[in-house]
Each structure stands twice: as structure tokens, then as C-alpha cells.
Amino acid sequence: MVKVCLVCAIFGQAGSVFGVEIDDALAVWQLKDAIKEKKPNDFKDIDADKLQLFLAKKEDDAWLKSKDLLRMRKGEISDEVESLYMKEELGDPTDKICAKFPSTIPDGTIHVLVVVPEGGGGSVSASKMDQLFEKVDKLYEQTVLGKRKVYRHSSASSTLLAELN
């Protein structure tokens, strides 16, 4: 058994790059367990077997570079490019790690994209909610707060006030 260090990123969550060291003779289900164990807060209330794992490489075997991941988060790379890296799912939990990853993986690359199921708990879902709240706040600022306020002067005067007394 040979230990491999796989660099993982949680898809759709900023600042989510982390490493997992695992024996290459172990199975994909054990990799999912190791990922959940490495990030317990991010995957709180999510069973390891519910995580979707994808090899972070294109059909031409080019691995996702960490600098490209940063550009994706900033919106500099389109969604179509993101989908290019999610072609091969590590779907069979009995597959061995050594069968899915080459013996040498280039440095500076992401190896596994982790996708959290819809409605999953933990801080991954919280970050998506935070993003939603941020979008709503921006929309509110643009539509409600951004409109020009109109002030009207009162028709009441000091002579009108004297008549009332």
C-alpha cells in the first residue's frame, strides 16, 4: 500500500481546498469517509456515502489547477468550464483509489471535487444560504434603497397654528 495525498475542493464553496492522505489500496467509500472526517463541520449532518466525488480533470487528462479554481470562484471562468472538470464521477464505492488516480499527480492541481447533496447540512449549506442572503441584500439596496427619496413640505404654517388655538 502506498500513501497518496489527494487535494480536494468542495464545489461551490470558497476557501474549501484541503488535503486527504489515504492508502491507494483503499476504496472510494473509504475516501468519502476520510473526507468527511477531515472536514466534520463542513459535512455536519451529511452521511459520507451521500457525498459525490469527481475526478477534477478534463477529458484530455488535464487536472484542475488551483489557480483556475480561484478564477472560477471569482467568476472569471464560465460555468461551462466548471462542468468540464466534472465528467468522471467516482461513483462506484468499491473502486480502488489506485485504479482511479495515476501513480504521479502533478503539484499545484486539484484532484477531487466534492459535491454536497441538495439540502445537506453543515457549513457548506450555510455558505450557500449566506450567498443567497447577500444577493437579496444587494437586490434590496438596488431597488428599494437606491430609489431617490422625495421630500414634501408641510402646508401647515404659523398662522394656521394660531387659528387652531
C-alpha atoms as a PDB file:
ATOM      1  CA  MET A   1       0.000   0.000   0.000  1.00  0.00           C
ATOM      2  CA  VAL A   2       1.241   3.437  -0.977  1.00  0.00           C
ATOM      3  CA  LYS A   3       0.029   6.618   0.698  1.00  0.00           C
ATOM      4  CA  VAL A   4      -1.222   9.291  -1.673  1.00  0.00           C
ATOM      5  CA  CYS A   5      -2.121  12.858  -0.813  1.00  0.00           C
ATOM      6  CA  LEU A   6      -5.189  13.995  -2.708  1.00  0.00           C
ATOM      7  CA  VAL A   7      -6.083  17.667  -2.884  1.00  0.00           C
ATOM      8  CA  CYS A   8      -9.842  18.125  -2.632  1.00  0.00           C
ATOM      9  CA  ALA A   9     -12.148  21.106  -3.097  1.00  0.00           C
ATOM     10  CA  ILE A  10     -15.771  21.447  -2.072  1.00  0.00           C
ATOM     11  CA  PHE A  11     -17.619  22.518  -5.202  1.00  0.00           C
ATOM     12  CA  GLY A  12     -19.301  25.910  -4.792  1.00  0.00           C
ATOM     13  CA  GLN A  13     -17.669  26.843  -1.501  1.00  0.00           C
ATOM     14  CA  ALA A  14     -14.955  29.483  -1.291  1.00  0.00           C
ATOM     15  CA  GLY A  15     -11.812  28.568   0.621  1.00  0.00           C
ATOM     16  CA  SER A  16     -12.608  24.888   0.565  1.00  0.00           C
ATOM     17  CA  VAL A  17      -9.334  23.351  -0.627  1.00  0.00           C
ATOM     18  CA  PHE A  18      -7.893  20.701   1.688  1.00  0.00           C
ATOM     19  CA  GLY A  19      -5.754  17.580   1.528  1.00  0.00           C
ATOM     20  CA  VAL A  20      -6.550  13.990   2.407  1.00  0.00           C
ATOM     21  CA  GLU A  21      -3.837  11.386   2.858  1.00  0.00           C
ATOM     22  CA  ILE A  22      -5.033   7.863   2.079  1.00  0.00           C
ATOM     23  CA  ASP A  23      -3.643   4.470   1.081  1.00  0.00           C
ATOM     24  CA  ASP A  24      -4.083   3.868  -2.633  1.00  0.00           C
ATOM     25  CA  ALA A  25      -5.269   0.286  -1.992  1.00  0.00           C
ATOM     26  CA  LEU A  26      -8.361   1.575  -0.181  1.00  0.00           C
ATOM     27  CA  ALA A  27     -11.762   2.006  -1.842  1.00  0.00           C
ATOM     28  CA  VAL A  28     -13.711   5.114  -2.856  1.00  0.00           C
ATOM     29  CA  TRP A  29     -16.121   4.652   0.080  1.00  0.00           C
ATOM     30  CA  GLN A  30     -13.138   4.909   2.416  1.00  0.00           C
ATOM     31  CA  LEU A  31     -12.039   8.104   0.655  1.00  0.00           C
ATOM     32  CA  LYS A  32     -15.506   9.558   1.305  1.00  0.00           C
ATOM     33  CA  ASP A  33     -15.156   8.618   4.989  1.00  0.00           C
ATOM     34  CA  ALA A  34     -11.703  10.254   5.111  1.00  0.00           C
ATOM     35  CA  ILE A  35     -13.053  13.441   3.502  1.00  0.00           C
ATOM     36  CA  LYS A  36     -15.937  13.648   5.977  1.00  0.00           C
ATOM     37  CA  GLU A  37     -13.538  13.005   8.864  1.00  0.00           C
ATOM     38  CA  LYS A  38     -11.189  15.741   7.614  1.00  0.00           C
ATOM     39  CA  LYS A  39     -13.964  18.369   7.401  1.00  0.00           C
ATOM     40  CA  PRO A  40     -16.526  17.449  10.103  1.00  0.00           C
ATOM     41  CA  ASN A  41     -18.023  20.945  10.344  1.00  0.00           C
ATOM     42  CA  ASP A  42     -18.461  21.320   6.591  1.00  0.00           C
ATOM     43  CA  PHE A  43     -20.201  17.944   6.329  1.00  0.00           C
ATOM     44  CA  LYS A  44     -22.170  18.035   9.569  1.00  0.00           C
ATOM     45  CA  ASP A  45     -25.418  16.053   9.266  1.00  0.00           C
ATOM     46  CA  ILE A  46     -24.293  14.577   5.923  1.00  0.00           C
ATOM     47  CA  ASP A  47     -23.517  10.883   5.610  1.00  0.00           C
ATOM     48  CA  ALA A  48     -20.226  10.182   3.856  1.00  0.00           C
ATOM     49  CA  ASP A  49     -21.900   7.921   1.299  1.00  0.00           C
ATOM     50  CA  LYS A  50     -24.076  10.848   0.153  1.00  0.00           C
ATOM     51  CA  LEU A  51     -21.050  12.887  -0.967  1.00  0.00           C
ATOM     52  CA  GLN A  52     -20.450  12.917  -4.713  1.00  0.00           C
ATOM     53  CA  LEU A  53     -16.809  12.797  -5.749  1.00  0.00           C
ATOM     54  CA  PHE A  54     -15.491  13.726  -9.178  1.00  0.00           C
ATOM     55  CA  LEU A  55     -12.020  13.482 -10.650  1.00  0.00           C
ATOM     56  CA  ALA A  56     -11.035  17.100 -11.210  1.00  0.00           C
ATOM     57  CA  LYS A  57      -9.702  16.631 -14.704  1.00  0.00           C
ATOM     58  CA  LYS A  58     -10.867  17.205 -18.235  1.00  0.00           C
ATOM     59  CA  GLU A  59     -11.289  14.559 -20.906  1.00  0.00           C
ATOM     60  CA  ASP A  60      -7.766  15.353 -22.156  1.00  0.00           C
ATOM     61  CA  ASP A  61      -6.445  14.306 -18.700  1.00  0.00           C
ATOM     62  CA  ALA A  62      -5.544  17.877 -17.718  1.00  0.00           C
ATOM     63  CA  TRP A  63      -6.034  18.320 -13.960  1.00  0.00           C
ATOM     64  CA  LEU A  64      -7.779  21.348 -12.494  1.00  0.00           C
ATOM     65  CA  LYS A  65      -5.135  23.847 -11.448  1.00  0.00           C
ATOM     66  CA  SER A  66      -5.577  25.598  -8.119  1.00  0.00           C
ATOM     67  CA  LYS A  67      -5.229  29.000  -9.832  1.00  0.00           C
ATOM     68  CA  ASP A  68      -8.139  28.093 -12.152  1.00  0.00           C
ATOM     69  CA  LEU A  69     -10.229  27.156  -9.122  1.00  0.00           C
ATOM     70  CA  LEU A  70      -9.609  30.649  -7.715  1.00  0.00           C
ATOM     71  CA  ARG A  71     -10.616  32.205 -11.050  1.00  0.00           C
ATOM     72  CA  MET A  72     -13.824  30.138 -11.071  1.00  0.00           C
ATOM     73  CA  ARG A  73     -14.751  31.404  -7.624  1.00  0.00           C
ATOM     74  CA  LYS A  74     -14.250  34.997  -8.761  1.00  0.00           C
ATOM     75  CA  GLY A  75     -16.454  34.395 -11.797  1.00  0.00           C
ATOM     76  CA  GLU A  76     -13.622  34.919 -14.275  1.00  0.00           C
ATOM     77  CA  ILE A  77     -14.197  31.478 -15.819  1.00  0.00           C
ATOM     78  CA  SER A  78     -17.609  30.482 -17.113  1.00  0.00           C
ATOM     79  CA  ASP A  79     -19.824  27.746 -15.709  1.00  0.00           C
ATOM     80  CA  GLU A  80     -19.214  25.667 -18.842  1.00  0.00           C
ATOM     81  CA  VAL A  81     -15.549  25.377 -17.927  1.00  0.00           C
ATOM     82  CA  GLU A  82     -16.509  24.232 -14.429  1.00  0.00           C
ATOM     83  CA  SER A  83     -18.575  21.429 -15.908  1.00  0.00           C
ATOM     84  CA  LEU A  84     -15.596  20.272 -17.976  1.00  0.00           C
ATOM     85  CA  TYR A  85     -13.910  19.119 -14.793  1.00  0.00           C
ATOM     86  CA  MET A  86     -16.864  17.100 -13.526  1.00  0.00           C
ATOM     87  CA  LYS A  87     -17.044  14.426 -16.226  1.00  0.00           C
ATOM     88  CA  GLU A  88     -15.850  11.386 -14.271  1.00  0.00           C
ATOM     89  CA  GLU A  89     -17.678  10.653 -11.048  1.00  0.00           C
ATOM     90  CA  LEU A  90     -16.111   8.338  -8.516  1.00  0.00           C
ATOM     91  CA  GLY A  91     -19.484   6.642  -8.303  1.00  0.00           C
ATOM     92  CA  ASP A  92     -18.607   3.032  -7.547  1.00  0.00           C
ATOM     93  CA  PRO A  93     -17.799   2.888  -3.835  1.00  0.00           C
ATOM     94  CA  THR A  94     -15.848  -0.352  -4.304  1.00  0.00           C
ATOM     95  CA  ASP A  95     -13.372   1.071  -6.847  1.00  0.00           C
ATOM     96  CA  LYS A  96      -9.825   1.227  -5.549  1.00  0.00           C
ATOM     97  CA  ILE A  97      -8.044   4.578  -5.303  1.00  0.00           C
ATOM     98  CA  CYS A  98      -5.057   3.215  -7.265  1.00  0.00           C
ATOM     99  CA  ALA A  99      -7.381   2.358 -10.181  1.00  0.00           C
ATOM    100  CA  LYS A 100      -8.696   5.922 -10.424  1.00  0.00           C
ATOM    101  CA  PHE A 101      -5.579   8.023  -9.829  1.00  0.00           C
ATOM    102  CA  PRO A 102      -2.237   7.828 -11.644  1.00  0.00           C
ATOM    103  CA  SER A 103       0.878   6.961  -9.671  1.00  0.00           C
ATOM    104  CA  THR A 104       2.158  10.526 -10.075  1.00  0.00           C
ATOM    105  CA  ILE A 105      -0.137  13.511  -9.831  1.00  0.00           C
ATOM    106  CA  PRO A 106       1.239  16.942 -10.729  1.00  0.00           C
ATOM    107  CA  ASP A 107       1.708  19.505  -7.961  1.00  0.00           C
ATOM    108  CA  GLY A 108      -0.467  22.611  -7.880  1.00  0.00           C
ATOM    109  CA  THR A 109      -3.555  20.742  -9.007  1.00  0.00           C
ATOM    110  CA  ILE A 110      -6.899  19.790  -7.500  1.00  0.00           C
ATOM    111  CA  HIS A 111      -7.620  16.067  -7.681  1.00  0.00           C
ATOM    112  CA  VAL A 112     -11.132  15.628  -6.270  1.00  0.00           C
ATOM    113  CA  LEU A 113     -14.207  17.866  -6.474  1.00  0.00           C
ATOM    114  CA  VAL A 114     -16.638  17.144  -3.639  1.00  0.00           C
ATOM    115  CA  VAL A 115     -20.315  17.876  -4.277  1.00  0.00           C
ATOM    116  CA  VAL A 116     -22.659  18.083  -1.302  1.00  0.00           C
ATOM    117  CA  PRO A 117     -26.197  16.762  -1.802  1.00  0.00           C
ATOM    118  CA  GLU A 118     -29.042  19.289  -2.000  1.00  0.00           C
ATOM    119  CA  GLY A 119     -30.377  20.097   1.447  1.00  0.00           C
ATOM    120  CA  GLY A 120     -27.261  18.799   3.188  1.00  0.00           C
ATOM    121  CA  GLY A 121     -26.351  20.389   6.491  1.00  0.00           C
ATOM    122  CA  GLY A 122     -23.117  21.795   7.810  1.00  0.00           C
ATOM    123  CA  SER A 123     -21.335  24.985   6.897  1.00  0.00           C
ATOM    124  CA  VAL A 124     -21.485  24.151   3.195  1.00  0.00           C
ATOM    125  CA  SER A 125     -25.231  24.751   3.233  1.00  0.00           C
ATOM    126  CA  ALA A 126     -24.740  27.735   5.494  1.00  0.00           C
ATOM    127  CA  SER A 127     -22.369  29.295   2.981  1.00  0.00           C
ATOM    128  CA  LYS A 128     -24.950  28.821   0.216  1.00  0.00           C
ATOM    129  CA  MET A 129     -27.549  30.487   2.429  1.00  0.00           C
ATOM    130  CA  ASP A 130     -25.104  33.304   3.153  1.00  0.00           C
ATOM    131  CA  GLN A 131     -24.652  33.777  -0.593  1.00  0.00           C
ATOM    132  CA  LEU A 132     -28.413  33.885  -1.058  1.00  0.00           C
ATOM    133  CA  PHE A 133     -28.838  36.441   1.743  1.00  0.00           C
ATOM    134  CA  GLU A 134     -26.063  38.538   0.212  1.00  0.00           C
ATOM    135  CA  LYS A 135     -27.820  38.512  -3.168  1.00  0.00           C
ATOM    136  CA  VAL A 136     -31.133  39.501  -1.563  1.00  0.00           C
ATOM    137  CA  ASP A 137     -29.423  42.330   0.346  1.00  0.00           C
ATOM    138  CA  LYS A 138     -27.832  43.648  -2.865  1.00  0.00           C
ATOM    139  CA  LEU A 139     -31.139  43.468  -4.687  1.00  0.00           C
ATOM    140  CA  TYR A 140     -32.855  45.322  -1.821  1.00  0.00           C
ATOM    141  CA  GLU A 141     -30.186  48.035  -1.903  1.00  0.00           C
ATOM    142  CA  GLN A 142     -30.556  48.448  -5.661  1.00  0.00           C
ATOM    143  CA  THR A 143     -34.335  48.516  -5.796  1.00  0.00           C
ATOM    144  CA  VAL A 144     -35.545  49.984  -2.519  1.00  0.00           C
ATOM    145  CA  LEU A 145     -32.672  51.946  -1.074  1.00  0.00           C
ATOM    146  CA  GLY A 146     -31.357  53.029  -4.452  1.00  0.00           C
ATOM    147  CA  LYS A 147     -34.512  54.924  -5.377  1.00  0.00           C
ATOM    148  CA  ARG A 148     -34.442  58.651  -4.844  1.00  0.00           C
ATOM    149  CA  LYS A 149     -36.414  59.780  -1.847  1.00  0.00           C
ATOM    150  CA  VAL A 150     -38.956  62.579  -2.292  1.00  0.00           C
ATOM    151  CA  TYR A 151     -39.484  65.100   0.485  1.00  0.00           C
ATOM    152  CA  ARG A 152     -42.615  67.259   0.629  1.00  0.00           C
ATOM    153  CA  HIS A 153     -43.051  70.383   2.672  1.00  0.00           C
ATOM    154  CA  SER A 154     -45.997  70.638   5.012  1.00  0.00           C
ATOM    155  CA  SER A 155     -48.776  73.095   4.233  1.00  0.00           C
ATOM    156  CA  ALA A 156     -49.037  73.972   7.927  1.00  0.00           C
ATOM    157  CA  SER A 157     -47.888  77.468   8.813  1.00  0.00           C
ATOM    158  CA  SER A 158     -47.716  79.563  11.954  1.00  0.00           C
ATOM    159  CA  THR A 159     -50.957  81.390  11.030  1.00  0.00           C
ATOM    160  CA  LEU A 160     -52.755  78.069  10.629  1.00  0.00           C
ATOM    161  CA  LEU A 161     -51.456  77.022  14.032  1.00  0.00           C
ATOM    162  CA  ALA A 162     -52.763  80.248  15.641  1.00  0.00           C
ATOM    163  CA  GLU A 163     -56.227  79.596  14.197  1.00  0.00           C
ATOM    164  CA  LEU A 164     -56.293  76.139  15.758  1.00  0.00           C
ATOM    165  CA  ASN A 165     -55.623  77.509  19.254  1.00  0.00           C
END
